[in-house]
N, C-alpha and C. Protein backbone atom coordinates (compact mmCIF):
# COMPACT_ATOMS: atom_id res chain seq x y z
N UNK A 1 125.77 35.24 32.16
CA UNK A 1 126.92 34.39 31.92
C UNK A 1 128.06 34.73 32.86
N UNK A 2 128.13 35.96 33.33
CA UNK A 2 129.20 36.33 34.25
C UNK A 2 129.12 35.53 35.55
N UNK A 3 127.89 35.28 36.01
CA UNK A 3 127.73 34.53 37.25
C UNK A 3 128.21 33.10 37.10
N UNK A 4 127.93 32.48 35.97
CA UNK A 4 128.32 31.10 35.74
C UNK A 4 129.84 30.97 35.63
N UNK A 5 130.47 31.86 34.90
CA UNK A 5 131.90 31.74 34.65
C UNK A 5 132.77 32.39 35.73
N UNK A 6 132.20 33.23 36.55
CA UNK A 6 132.98 33.94 37.56
C UNK A 6 133.10 33.20 38.87
N UNK A 7 133.93 33.74 39.74
CA UNK A 7 134.15 33.14 41.05
C UNK A 7 133.07 33.55 42.04
N UNK A 8 132.35 34.63 41.76
CA UNK A 8 131.31 35.10 42.65
C UNK A 8 130.12 34.15 42.60
N UNK A 9 129.68 33.67 43.75
CA UNK A 9 128.59 32.69 43.81
C UNK A 9 127.23 33.34 44.03
N UNK A 10 127.18 34.65 44.23
CA UNK A 10 125.91 35.34 44.47
C UNK A 10 125.71 36.45 43.46
N UNK A 11 124.46 36.67 43.12
CA UNK A 11 124.11 37.75 42.21
C UNK A 11 122.77 38.31 42.63
N UNK A 12 122.68 39.62 42.81
CA UNK A 12 121.43 40.27 43.15
C UNK A 12 120.90 40.97 41.91
N UNK A 13 119.63 40.77 41.64
CA UNK A 13 119.02 41.33 40.44
C UNK A 13 118.80 42.83 40.57
N UNK A 14 118.51 43.31 41.75
CA UNK A 14 118.25 44.72 41.98
C UNK A 14 118.10 44.96 43.47
N UNK A 15 117.76 46.18 43.83
CA UNK A 15 117.68 46.48 45.26
C UNK A 15 116.56 45.74 45.97
N UNK A 16 115.39 45.47 45.35
CA UNK A 16 114.38 44.70 46.09
C UNK A 16 114.86 43.29 46.44
N UNK A 17 115.55 42.66 45.52
CA UNK A 17 116.07 41.33 45.76
C UNK A 17 117.17 41.36 46.83
N UNK A 18 118.00 42.38 46.77
CA UNK A 18 119.06 42.52 47.76
C UNK A 18 118.47 42.71 49.16
N UNK A 19 117.42 43.52 49.25
CA UNK A 19 116.73 43.73 50.52
C UNK A 19 116.12 42.42 51.01
N UNK A 20 115.49 41.68 50.12
CA UNK A 20 114.88 40.40 50.48
C UNK A 20 115.93 39.44 51.04
N UNK A 21 117.08 39.36 50.40
CA UNK A 21 118.15 38.46 50.86
C UNK A 21 118.63 38.87 52.25
N UNK A 22 118.78 40.16 52.46
CA UNK A 22 119.23 40.64 53.78
C UNK A 22 118.19 40.36 54.86
N UNK A 23 116.92 40.63 54.55
CA UNK A 23 115.85 40.34 55.51
C UNK A 23 115.80 38.86 55.85
N UNK A 24 115.94 38.03 54.84
CA UNK A 24 115.92 36.59 55.06
C UNK A 24 117.09 36.15 55.94
N UNK A 25 118.23 36.79 55.78
CA UNK A 25 119.38 36.47 56.62
C UNK A 25 119.19 36.90 58.06
N UNK A 26 118.55 38.05 58.26
CA UNK A 26 118.36 38.58 59.61
C UNK A 26 117.14 37.99 60.31
N UNK A 27 116.05 37.85 59.57
CA UNK A 27 114.78 37.41 60.16
C UNK A 27 114.15 36.32 59.29
N UNK A 28 114.71 35.12 59.28
CA UNK A 28 114.19 34.09 58.39
C UNK A 28 112.74 33.70 58.68
N UNK A 29 112.31 33.79 59.93
CA UNK A 29 110.94 33.40 60.24
C UNK A 29 109.93 34.36 59.64
N UNK A 30 110.26 35.64 59.55
CA UNK A 30 109.36 36.63 58.94
C UNK A 30 109.19 36.32 57.46
N UNK A 31 110.30 36.06 56.79
CA UNK A 31 110.24 35.75 55.36
C UNK A 31 109.49 34.44 55.14
N UNK A 32 109.76 33.45 55.96
CA UNK A 32 109.09 32.16 55.84
C UNK A 32 107.58 32.31 55.99
N UNK A 33 107.14 33.03 57.01
CA UNK A 33 105.71 33.22 57.24
C UNK A 33 105.05 33.98 56.09
N UNK A 34 105.74 34.95 55.54
CA UNK A 34 105.18 35.70 54.41
C UNK A 34 105.04 34.80 53.19
N UNK A 35 106.03 33.94 52.96
CA UNK A 35 105.96 33.02 51.82
C UNK A 35 104.87 31.97 52.01
N UNK A 36 104.70 31.50 53.24
CA UNK A 36 103.65 30.51 53.51
C UNK A 36 102.28 31.10 53.22
N UNK A 37 102.08 32.37 53.55
CA UNK A 37 100.80 33.03 53.28
C UNK A 37 100.53 33.13 51.78
N UNK A 38 101.58 33.28 50.99
CA UNK A 38 101.45 33.42 49.53
C UNK A 38 101.59 32.09 48.79
N UNK A 39 101.72 30.99 49.50
CA UNK A 39 101.96 29.69 48.88
C UNK A 39 100.89 29.29 47.85
N UNK A 40 99.60 29.51 48.10
CA UNK A 40 98.62 29.16 47.06
C UNK A 40 98.85 29.91 45.75
N UNK A 41 99.20 31.17 45.83
CA UNK A 41 99.47 31.96 44.62
C UNK A 41 100.73 31.45 43.94
N UNK A 42 101.75 31.14 44.71
CA UNK A 42 103.01 30.63 44.16
C UNK A 42 102.76 29.31 43.43
N UNK A 43 101.99 28.43 44.06
CA UNK A 43 101.70 27.13 43.43
C UNK A 43 100.89 27.30 42.14
N UNK A 44 99.96 28.24 42.15
CA UNK A 44 99.14 28.47 40.96
C UNK A 44 100.02 28.91 39.79
N UNK A 45 100.96 29.82 40.04
CA UNK A 45 101.86 30.28 38.97
C UNK A 45 102.84 29.19 38.56
N UNK A 46 103.25 28.35 39.50
CA UNK A 46 104.20 27.28 39.19
C UNK A 46 103.58 26.22 38.29
N UNK A 47 102.27 26.05 38.35
CA UNK A 47 101.60 25.05 37.53
C UNK A 47 101.33 25.52 36.12
N UNK A 48 101.46 26.79 35.86
CA UNK A 48 101.19 27.33 34.52
C UNK A 48 102.28 26.98 33.54
């Protein structure tokens, strides 16, 4: 609820998420390629 009511527009769940956000900012193509490789798994979980 703090994120919704506060002025801060970003929230990191923990250090792995924070690292992911930083990597995506610095090297978006690396993150994109990794996600594309996992896309079948992501789609399978999204359909559940």
